[in-house]
PDB file of N, CA and C in Angstrom:
ATOM      1  N   MET A   1     105.992 -53.603 121.706  1.00  0.00           N
ATOM      2  CA  MET A   1     104.905 -52.883 122.061  1.00  0.00           C
ATOM      3  C   MET A   1     104.071 -52.203 120.926  1.00  0.00           C
ATOM      4  N   TYR A   2     104.849 -51.708 119.885  1.00  0.00           N
ATOM      5  CA  TYR A   2     104.231 -51.155 118.737  1.00  0.00           C
ATOM      6  C   TYR A   2     104.101 -52.155 117.628  1.00  0.00           C
ATOM      7  N   ASN A   3     103.013 -52.373 117.127  1.00  0.00           N
ATOM      8  CA  ASN A   3     102.798 -53.333 115.938  1.00  0.00           C
ATOM      9  C   ASN A   3     102.835 -52.524 114.692  1.00  0.00           C
ATOM     10  N   ASN A   4     103.567 -53.039 113.724  1.00  0.00           N
ATOM     11  CA  ASN A   4     103.612 -52.431 112.362  1.00  0.00           C
ATOM     12  C   ASN A   4     102.570 -53.016 111.506  1.00  0.00           C
ATOM     13  N   TYR A   5     101.535 -52.292 111.160  1.00  0.00           N
ATOM     14  CA  TYR A   5     100.470 -52.762 110.349  1.00  0.00           C
ATOM     15  C   TYR A   5     100.641 -52.104 108.948  1.00  0.00           C
ATOM     16  N   GLN A   6     100.281 -52.872 107.885  1.00  0.00           N
ATOM     17  CA  GLN A   6     100.239 -52.258 106.621  1.00  0.00           C
ATOM     18  C   GLN A   6      98.748 -52.359 106.173  1.00  0.00           C
ATOM     19  N   LEU A   7      98.195 -51.195 105.860  1.00  0.00           N
ATOM     20  CA  LEU A   7      96.908 -51.099 105.419  1.00  0.00           C
ATOM     21  C   LEU A   7      96.866 -51.001 103.927  1.00  0.00           C
ATOM     22  N   GLN A   8      95.868 -51.550 103.256  1.00  0.00           N
ATOM     23  CA  GLN A   8      95.819 -51.466 101.841  1.00  0.00           C
ATOM     24  C   GLN A   8      94.327 -51.226 101.565  1.00  0.00           C
ATOM     25  N   LEU A   9      93.966 -50.065 100.977  1.00  0.00           N
ATOM     26  CA  LEU A   9      92.654 -49.691 100.593  1.00  0.00           C
ATOM     27  C   LEU A   9      92.392 -50.147  99.142  1.00  0.00           C
ATOM     28  N   VAL A  10      91.384 -51.006  99.049  1.00  0.00           N
ATOM     29  CA  VAL A  10      91.052 -51.458  97.690  1.00  0.00           C
ATOM     30  C   VAL A  10      89.592 -51.173  97.479  1.00  0.00           C
ATOM     31  N   TYR A  11      89.390 -50.535  96.351  1.00  0.00           N
ATOM     32  CA  TYR A  11      87.931 -50.334  95.972  1.00  0.00           C
ATOM     33  C   TYR A  11      87.738 -50.812  94.521  1.00  0.00           C
ATOM     34  N   TYR A  12      86.936 -51.717  94.329  1.00  0.00           N
ATOM     35  CA  TYR A  12      86.744 -52.359  92.989  1.00  0.00           C
ATOM     36  C   TYR A  12      85.353 -52.058  92.438  1.00  0.00           C
ATOM     37  N   ASN A  13      85.399 -51.223  91.421  1.00  0.00           N
ATOM     38  CA  ASN A  13      84.230 -50.822  90.705  1.00  0.00           C
ATOM     39  C   ASN A  13      84.319 -51.074  89.259  1.00  0.00           C
ATOM     40  N   THR A  14      83.396 -51.612  88.639  1.00  0.00           N
ATOM     41  CA  THR A  14      83.402 -51.810  87.233  1.00  0.00           C
ATOM     42  C   THR A  14      82.120 -51.343  86.579  1.00  0.00           C
ATOM     43  N   ILE A  15      82.191 -50.853  85.395  1.00  0.00           N
ATOM     44  CA  ILE A  15      81.027 -50.494  84.662  1.00  0.00           C
ATOM     45  C   ILE A  15      80.807 -51.347  83.507  1.00  0.00           C
ATOM     46  N   ASP A  16      79.796 -52.126  83.457  1.00  0.00           N
ATOM     47  CA  ASP A  16      79.436 -52.923  82.398  1.00  0.00           C
ATOM     48  C   ASP A  16      78.772 -52.052  81.264  1.00  0.00           C
ATOM     49  N   MET A  17      79.574 -51.603  80.268  1.00  0.00           N
ATOM     50  CA  MET A  17      79.077 -50.696  79.243  1.00  0.00           C
ATOM     51  C   MET A  17      78.085 -51.339  78.264  1.00  0.00           C
ATOM     52  N   SER A  18      78.014 -52.694  78.203  1.00  0.00           N
ATOM     53  CA  SER A  18      77.049 -53.329  77.393  1.00  0.00           C
ATOM     54  C   SER A  18      75.579 -53.048  77.850  1.00  0.00           C
ATOM     55  N   ASN A  19      75.414 -52.902  79.193  1.00  0.00           N
ATOM     56  CA  ASN A  19      74.088 -52.690  79.729  1.00  0.00           C
ATOM     57  C   ASN A  19      73.939 -51.316  80.415  1.00  0.00           C
ATOM     58  N   ASN A  20      75.091 -50.646  80.549  1.00  0.00           N
ATOM     59  CA  ASN A  20      75.157 -49.375  81.332  1.00  0.00           C
ATOM     60  C   ASN A  20      74.613 -49.575  82.686  1.00  0.00           C
ATOM     61  N   ILE A  21      75.061 -50.676  83.317  1.00  0.00           N
ATOM     62  CA  ILE A  21      74.745 -50.999  84.684  1.00  0.00           C
ATOM     63  C   ILE A  21      75.948 -50.944  85.557  1.00  0.00           C
ATOM     64  N   LEU A  22      75.841 -50.233  86.706  1.00  0.00           N
ATOM     65  CA  LEU A  22      76.960 -50.230  87.594  1.00  0.00           C
ATOM     66  C   LEU A  22      76.990 -51.469  88.441  1.00  0.00           C
ATOM     67  N   MET A  23      78.159 -52.104  88.508  1.00  0.00           N
ATOM     68  CA  MET A  23      78.182 -53.410  89.289  1.00  0.00           C
ATOM     69  C   MET A  23      79.190 -53.149  90.431  1.00  0.00           C
ATOM     70  N   GLN A  24      78.845 -53.538  91.596  1.00  0.00           N
ATOM     71  CA  GLN A  24      79.754 -53.430  92.723  1.00  0.00           C
ATOM     72  C   GLN A  24      80.079 -54.904  93.016  1.00  0.00           C
ATOM     73  N   ASN A  25      81.371 -55.195  93.031  1.00  0.00           N
ATOM     74  CA  ASN A  25      81.927 -56.539  93.249  1.00  0.00           C
ATOM     75  C   ASN A  25      82.578 -56.623  94.612  1.00  0.00           C
ATOM     76  N   TYR A  26      81.800 -56.280  95.717  1.00  0.00           N
ATOM     77  CA  TYR A  26      82.396 -56.283  97.008  1.00  0.00           C
ATOM     78  C   TYR A  26      82.751 -57.619  97.471  1.00  0.00           C
ATOM     79  N   HIS A  27      81.992 -58.673  97.083  1.00  0.00           N
ATOM     80  CA  HIS A  27      82.345 -60.051  97.469  1.00  0.00           C
ATOM     81  C   HIS A  27      83.591 -60.572  97.041  1.00  0.00           C
ATOM     82  N   GLN A  28      84.215 -59.882  95.967  1.00  0.00           N
ATOM     83  CA  GLN A  28      85.400 -60.327  95.308  1.00  0.00           C
ATOM     84  C   GLN A  28      86.619 -59.620  95.861  1.00  0.00           C
ATOM     85  N   LEU A  29      86.460 -58.726  96.829  1.00  0.00           N
ATOM     86  CA  LEU A  29      87.581 -57.945  97.371  1.00  0.00           C
ATOM     87  C   LEU A  29      88.571 -58.860  98.083  1.00  0.00           C
ATOM     88  N   PRO A  30      89.857 -58.781  97.731  1.00  0.00           N
ATOM     89  CA  PRO A  30      90.884 -59.617  98.404  1.00  0.00           C
ATOM     90  C   PRO A  30      91.287 -59.089  99.730  1.00  0.00           C
ATOM     91  N   THR A  31      91.118 -57.806 100.039  1.00  0.00           N
ATOM     92  CA  THR A  31      91.426 -57.269 101.343  1.00  0.00           C
ATOM     93  C   THR A  31      90.320 -56.468 101.899  1.00  0.00           C
ATOM     94  N   ILE A  32      90.481 -56.012 103.137  1.00  0.00           N
ATOM     95  CA  ILE A  32      89.469 -55.254 103.774  1.00  0.00           C
ATOM     96  C   ILE A  32      89.245 -53.913 103.090  1.00  0.00           C
ATOM     97  N   ASP A  33      88.010 -53.624 102.812  1.00  0.00           N
ATOM     98  CA  ASP A  33      87.632 -52.336 102.092  1.00  0.00           C
ATOM     99  C   ASP A  33      87.034 -51.477 103.001  1.00  0.00           C
ATOM    100  N   PHE A  34      87.669 -50.314 103.294  1.00  0.00           N
ATOM    101  CA  PHE A  34      87.088 -49.329 104.153  1.00  0.00           C
ATOM    102  C   PHE A  34      85.933 -48.609 103.599  1.00  0.00           C
ATOM    103  N   SER A  35      85.762 -48.638 102.284  1.00  0.00           N
ATOM    104  CA  SER A  35      84.668 -47.951 101.637  1.00  0.00           C
ATOM    105  C   SER A  35      83.284 -48.752 101.864  1.00  0.00           C
ATOM    106  N   LEU A  36      83.467 -49.941 102.403  1.00  0.00           N
ATOM    107  CA  LEU A  36      82.258 -50.680 102.873  1.00  0.00           C
ATOM    108  C   LEU A  36      81.416 -49.944 103.868  1.00  0.00           C
ATOM    109  N   ASN A  37      82.120 -49.032 104.550  1.00  0.00           N
ATOM    110  CA  ASN A  37      81.503 -48.309 105.580  1.00  0.00           C
ATOM    111  C   ASN A  37      80.577 -47.134 105.006  1.00  0.00           C
ATOM    112  N   ASP A  38      80.620 -47.014 103.714  1.00  0.00           N
ATOM    113  CA  ASP A  38      79.713 -46.032 103.052  1.00  0.00           C
ATOM    114  C   ASP A  38      78.342 -46.409 103.392  1.00  0.00           C
ATOM    115  N   THR A  39      77.484 -45.329 103.640  1.00  0.00           N
ATOM    116  CA  THR A  39      76.040 -45.595 103.874  1.00  0.00           C
ATOM    117  C   THR A  39      75.300 -45.682 102.564  1.00  0.00           C
ATOM    118  N   PRO A  40      74.100 -46.174 102.667  1.00  0.00           N
ATOM    119  CA  PRO A  40      73.246 -46.314 101.457  1.00  0.00           C
ATOM    120  C   PRO A  40      73.055 -44.925 100.793  1.00  0.00           C
ATOM    121  N   GLN A  41      72.950 -43.792 101.653  1.00  0.00           N
ATOM    122  CA  GLN A  41      72.840 -42.600 101.083  1.00  0.00           C
ATOM    123  C   GLN A  41      74.048 -42.142 100.258  1.00  0.00           C
ATOM    124  N   ASP A  42      75.229 -42.507 100.747  1.00  0.00           N
ATOM    125  CA  ASP A  42      76.522 -42.193 100.001  1.00  0.00           C
ATOM    126  C   ASP A  42      76.460 -42.962  98.665  1.00  0.00           C
ATOM    127  N   HIS A  43      76.019 -44.235  98.696  1.00  0.00           N
ATOM    128  CA  HIS A  43      76.098 -44.881  97.338  1.00  0.00           C
ATOM    129  C   HIS A  43      75.001 -44.454  96.478  1.00  0.00           C
ATOM    130  N   PHE A  44      73.859 -44.076  96.980  1.00  0.00           N
ATOM    131  CA  PHE A  44      72.733 -43.468  96.160  1.00  0.00           C
ATOM    132  C   PHE A  44      73.291 -42.109  95.516  1.00  0.00           C
ATOM    133  N   MET A  45      73.938 -41.285  96.232  1.00  0.00           N
ATOM    134  CA  MET A  45      74.381 -40.035  95.704  1.00  0.00           C
ATOM    135  C   MET A  45      75.598 -40.193  94.734  1.00  0.00           C
ATOM    136  N   TYR A  46      76.372 -41.316  94.996  1.00  0.00           N
ATOM    137  CA  TYR A  46      77.339 -41.726  93.980  1.00  0.00           C
ATOM    138  C   TYR A  46      76.719 -42.005  92.636  1.00  0.00           C
ATOM    139  N   LEU A  47      75.681 -42.761  92.640  1.00  0.00           N
ATOM    140  CA  LEU A  47      75.038 -43.124  91.446  1.00  0.00           C
ATOM    141  C   LEU A  47      74.414 -41.882  90.708  1.00  0.00           C
ATOM    142  N   ILE A  48      73.906 -40.884  91.489  1.00  0.00           N
ATOM    143  CA  ILE A  48      73.418 -39.734  90.988  1.00  0.00           C
ATOM    144  C   ILE A  48      74.503 -38.902  90.409  1.00  0.00           C
ATOM    145  N   ASP A  49      75.728 -38.837  90.917  1.00  0.00           N
ATOM    146  CA  ASP A  49      76.821 -38.189  90.493  1.00  0.00           C
ATOM    147  C   ASP A  49      77.274 -38.781  89.083  1.00  0.00           C
ATOM    148  N   LEU A  50      77.219 -40.155  89.033  1.00  0.00           N
ATOM    149  CA  LEU A  50      77.572 -40.787  87.702  1.00  0.00           C
ATOM    150  C   LEU A  50      76.561 -40.387  86.613  1.00  0.00           C
ATOM    151  N   ALA A  51      75.257 -40.267  87.038  1.00  0.00           N
ATOM    152  CA  ALA A  51      74.283 -39.873  86.056  1.00  0.00           C
ATOM    153  C   ALA A  51      74.543 -38.440  85.496  1.00  0.00           C
ATOM    154  N   ILE A  52      74.954 -37.508  86.366  1.00  0.00           N
ATOM    155  CA  ILE A  52      75.221 -36.223  85.908  1.00  0.00           C
ATOM    156  C   ILE A  52      76.493 -36.242  85.129  1.00  0.00           C
ATOM    157  N   GLU A  53      77.500 -36.917  85.533  1.00  0.00           N
ATOM    158  CA  GLU A  53      78.785 -36.969  84.791  1.00  0.00           C
ATOM    159  C   GLU A  53      78.535 -37.443  83.369  1.00  0.00           C
ATOM    160  N   TYR A  54      77.848 -38.601  83.261  1.00  0.00           N
ATOM    161  CA  TYR A  54      77.730 -39.200  81.844  1.00  0.00           C
ATOM    162  C   TYR A  54      76.428 -38.824  81.162  1.00  0.00           C
ATOM    163  N   GLY A  55      75.544 -38.068  81.825  1.00  0.00           N
ATOM    164  CA  GLY A  55      74.338 -37.730  81.231  1.00  0.00           C
ATOM    165  C   GLY A  55      73.390 -38.857  80.931  1.00  0.00           C
ATOM    166  N   ASP A  56      73.489 -39.836  81.844  1.00  0.00           N
ATOM    167  CA  ASP A  56      72.808 -41.138  81.596  1.00  0.00           C
ATOM    168  C   ASP A  56      71.794 -41.341  82.728  1.00  0.00           C
ATOM    169  N   ILE A  57      70.455 -41.226  82.448  1.00  0.00           N
ATOM    170  CA  ILE A  57      69.475 -41.334  83.503  1.00  0.00           C
ATOM    171  C   ILE A  57      69.336 -42.711  84.056  1.00  0.00           C
ATOM    172  N   ASN A  58      69.885 -43.692  83.365  1.00  0.00           N
ATOM    173  CA  ASN A  58      69.789 -45.066  83.861  1.00  0.00           C
ATOM    174  C   ASN A  58      70.412 -45.290  85.241  1.00  0.00           C
ATOM    175  N   TYR A  59      71.371 -44.448  85.470  1.00  0.00           N
ATOM    176  CA  TYR A  59      72.040 -44.506  86.818  1.00  0.00           C
ATOM    177  C   TYR A  59      71.062 -44.088  87.897  1.00  0.00           C
ATOM    178  N   ILE A  60      70.311 -43.126  87.543  1.00  0.00           N
ATOM    179  CA  ILE A  60      69.288 -42.571  88.471  1.00  0.00           C
ATOM    180  C   ILE A  60      68.126 -43.551  88.715  1.00  0.00           C
ATOM    181  N   ASN A  61      67.674 -44.207  87.608  1.00  0.00           N
ATOM    182  CA  ASN A  61      66.735 -45.304  87.664  1.00  0.00           C
ATOM    183  C   ASN A  61      67.159 -46.412  88.549  1.00  0.00           C
ATOM    184  N   ASP A  62      68.410 -46.767  88.432  1.00  0.00           N
ATOM    185  CA  ASP A  62      68.947 -47.878  89.210  1.00  0.00           C
ATOM    186  C   ASP A  62      69.030 -47.495  90.672  1.00  0.00           C
ATOM    187  N   ALA A  63      69.453 -46.261  90.849  1.00  0.00           N
ATOM    188  CA  ALA A  63      69.504 -45.780  92.280  1.00  0.00           C
ATOM    189  C   ALA A  63      68.172 -45.773  92.932  1.00  0.00           C
ATOM    190  N   ILE A  64      67.218 -45.329  92.220  1.00  0.00           N
ATOM    191  CA  ILE A  64      65.784 -45.212  92.763  1.00  0.00           C
ATOM    192  C   ILE A  64      65.310 -46.594  93.087  1.00  0.00           C
ATOM    193  N   ASN A  65      65.505 -47.609  92.093  1.00  0.00           N
ATOM    194  CA  ASN A  65      64.969 -48.923  92.259  1.00  0.00           C
ATOM    195  C   ASN A  65      65.647 -49.648  93.395  1.00  0.00           C
ATOM    196  N   GLN A  66      67.026 -49.411  93.533  1.00  0.00           N
ATOM    197  CA  GLN A  66      67.769 -50.074  94.613  1.00  0.00           C
ATOM    198  C   GLN A  66      67.541 -49.567  95.971  1.00  0.00           C
ATOM    199  N   TYR A  67      67.307 -48.193  96.132  1.00  0.00           N
ATOM    200  CA  TYR A  67      67.287 -47.575  97.391  1.00  0.00           C
ATOM    201  C   TYR A  67      65.962 -46.842  97.801  1.00  0.00           C
ATOM    202  N   SER A  68      64.892 -47.037  96.995  1.00  0.00           N
ATOM    203  CA  SER A  68      63.610 -46.234  97.259  1.00  0.00           C
ATOM    204  C   SER A  68      63.108 -46.657  98.668  1.00  0.00           C
ATOM    205  N   ASN A  69      63.330 -47.846  99.209  1.00  0.00           N
ATOM    206  CA  ASN A  69      62.743 -48.252 100.462  1.00  0.00           C
ATOM    207  C   ASN A  69      63.850 -48.049 101.595  1.00  0.00           C
ATOM    208  N   ILE A  70      65.019 -47.557 101.277  1.00  0.00           N
ATOM    209  CA  ILE A  70      66.111 -47.346 102.223  1.00  0.00           C
ATOM    210  C   ILE A  70      66.327 -45.861 102.512  1.00  0.00           C
ATOM    211  N   VAL A  71      66.485 -45.073 101.554  1.00  0.00           N
ATOM    212  CA  VAL A  71      66.838 -43.687 101.679  1.00  0.00           C
ATOM    213  C   VAL A  71      65.571 -42.822 101.950  1.00  0.00           C
ATOM    214  N   ASN A  72      65.727 -41.636 102.549  1.00  0.00           N
ATOM    215  CA  ASN A  72      64.672 -40.715 102.708  1.00  0.00           C
ATOM    216  C   ASN A  72      64.070 -40.252 101.377  1.00  0.00           C
ATOM    217  N   SER A  73      62.808 -39.985 101.421  1.00  0.00           N
ATOM    218  CA  SER A  73      62.062 -39.602 100.191  1.00  0.00           C
ATOM    219  C   SER A  73      62.643 -38.333  99.547  1.00  0.00           C
ATOM    220  N   SER A  74      63.252 -37.501 100.337  1.00  0.00           N
ATOM    221  CA  SER A  74      63.827 -36.252  99.835  1.00  0.00           C
ATOM    222  C   SER A  74      65.006 -36.609  98.850  1.00  0.00           C
ATOM    223  N   TYR A  75      65.744 -37.707  99.085  1.00  0.00           N
ATOM    224  CA  TYR A  75      66.730 -38.166  98.125  1.00  0.00           C
ATOM    225  C   TYR A  75      66.152 -38.496  96.835  1.00  0.00           C
ATOM    226  N   ILE A  76      65.039 -39.218  96.884  1.00  0.00           N
ATOM    227  CA  ILE A  76      64.301 -39.682  95.680  1.00  0.00           C
ATOM    228  C   ILE A  76      63.861 -38.505  94.898  1.00  0.00           C
ATOM    229  N   ASP A  77      63.212 -37.595  95.550  1.00  0.00           N
ATOM    230  CA  ASP A  77      62.656 -36.324  94.980  1.00  0.00           C
ATOM    231  C   ASP A  77      63.823 -35.586  94.217  1.00  0.00           C
ATOM    232  N   THR A  78      64.872 -35.395  94.901  1.00  0.00           N
ATOM    233  CA  THR A  78      66.041 -34.747  94.328  1.00  0.00           C
ATOM    234  C   THR A  78      66.649 -35.417  93.117  1.00  0.00           C
ATOM    235  N   ALA A  79      66.606 -36.826  93.166  1.00  0.00           N
ATOM    236  CA  ALA A  79      67.033 -37.638  92.054  1.00  0.00           C
ATOM    237  C   ALA A  79      66.131 -37.439  90.890  1.00  0.00           C
ATOM    238  N   LYS A  80      64.761 -37.405  91.122  1.00  0.00           N
ATOM    239  CA  LYS A  80      63.852 -37.256  89.983  1.00  0.00           C
ATOM    240  C   LYS A  80      64.060 -35.913  89.464  1.00  0.00           C
ATOM    241  N   ASN A  81      64.206 -34.845  90.190  1.00  0.00           N
ATOM    242  CA  ASN A  81      64.438 -33.501  89.702  1.00  0.00           C
ATOM    243  C   ASN A  81      65.704 -33.454  88.756  1.00  0.00           C
ATOM    244  N   ILE A  82      66.863 -34.014  89.211  1.00  0.00           N
ATOM    245  CA  ILE A  82      67.993 -34.059  88.399  1.00  0.00           C
ATOM    246  C   ILE A  82      67.703 -34.855  87.161  1.00  0.00           C
ATOM    247  N   MET A  83      67.005 -35.955  87.182  1.00  0.00           N
ATOM    248  CA  MET A  83      66.706 -36.745  86.005  1.00  0.00           C
ATOM    249  C   MET A  83      65.976 -35.856  85.013  1.00  0.00           C
ATOM    250  N   MET A  84      65.026 -35.101  85.479  1.00  0.00           N
ATOM    251  CA  MET A  84      64.234 -34.151  84.529  1.00  0.00           C
ATOM    252  C   MET A  84      65.238 -33.103  83.977  1.00  0.00           C
ATOM    253  N   GLN A  85      66.144 -32.654  84.731  1.00  0.00           N
ATOM    254  CA  GLN A  85      67.079 -31.641  84.230  1.00  0.00           C
ATOM    255  C   GLN A  85      68.007 -32.230  83.132  1.00  0.00           C
ATOM    256  N   ILE A  86      68.420 -33.513  83.365  1.00  0.00           N
ATOM    257  CA  ILE A  86      69.264 -34.140  82.326  1.00  0.00           C
ATOM    258  C   ILE A  86      68.396 -34.351  81.073  1.00  0.00           C
ATOM    259  N   ILE A  87      67.177 -34.767  81.248  1.00  0.00           N
ATOM    260  CA  ILE A  87      66.343 -34.950  80.097  1.00  0.00           C
ATOM    261  C   ILE A  87      66.022 -33.629  79.312  1.00  0.00           C
ATOM    262  N   GLU A  88      65.887 -32.640  80.021  1.00  0.00           N
ATOM    263  CA  GLU A  88      65.695 -31.265  79.403  1.00  0.00           C
ATOM    264  C   GLU A  88      66.895 -30.846  78.694  1.00  0.00           C
ATOM    265  N   GLU A  89      68.082 -31.057  79.270  1.00  0.00           N
ATOM    266  CA  GLU A  89      69.351 -30.690  78.574  1.00  0.00           C
ATOM    267  C   GLU A  89      69.517 -31.547  77.286  1.00  0.00           C
ATOM    268  N   GLN A  90      69.203 -32.804  77.260  1.00  0.00           N
ATOM    269  CA  GLN A  90      69.282 -33.589  76.125  1.00  0.00           C
ATOM    270  C   GLN A  90      68.300 -33.171  75.087  1.00  0.00           C
ATOM    271  N   LEU A  91      67.203 -32.815  75.425  1.00  0.00           N
ATOM    272  CA  LEU A  91      66.239 -32.274  74.489  1.00  0.00           C
ATOM    273  C   LEU A  91      66.651 -30.883  73.832  1.00  0.00           C
ATOM    274  N   GLN A  92      67.222 -30.073  74.697  1.00  0.00           N
ATOM    275  CA  GLN A  92      67.760 -28.769  74.211  1.00  0.00           C
ATOM    276  C   GLN A  92      68.926 -29.048  73.250  1.00  0.00           C
ATOM    277  N   GLU A  93      69.750 -30.115  73.426  1.00  0.00           N
ATOM    278  CA  GLU A  93      70.832 -30.362  72.524  1.00  0.00           C
ATOM    279  C   GLU A  93      70.335 -30.941  71.246  1.00  0.00           C
ATOM    280  N   ILE A  94      69.211 -31.684  71.178  1.00  0.00           N
ATOM    281  CA  ILE A  94      68.656 -32.144  70.010  1.00  0.00           C
ATOM    282  C   ILE A  94      68.039 -31.007  69.200  1.00  0.00           C
ATOM    283  N   SER A  95      67.383 -30.109  69.814  1.00  0.00           N
ATOM    284  CA  SER A  95      66.681 -29.031  69.083  1.00  0.00           C
ATOM    285  C   SER A  95      67.645 -27.958  68.552  1.00  0.00           C
ATOM    286  N   VAL A  96      68.938 -27.988  69.082  1.00  0.00           N
ATOM    287  CA  VAL A  96      69.878 -26.943  68.623  1.00  0.00           C
ATOM    288  C   VAL A  96      70.608 -27.405  67.398  1.00  0.00           C
TER     289      VAL A  96
END
């Protein structure tokens, strides 16, 4: 009557540091990945979080290029504001 199932959550993310490009290798996952249920907005915000964490606006540029036709324009506006804040912080570090 009761089936014993074993679930395995696998999330495969790699960062190619040579080009600073985030690559998602979903097609290479060996098992079911429940993170595939993430929305485009979730992934967009994940890229923004990476940009904040590493201080690298390339993540934001990639997010905007990939999702500009998918996510609401308020996400794009927020990302652009964050990008400007990161640039301002970098300029302040240079002048200090």
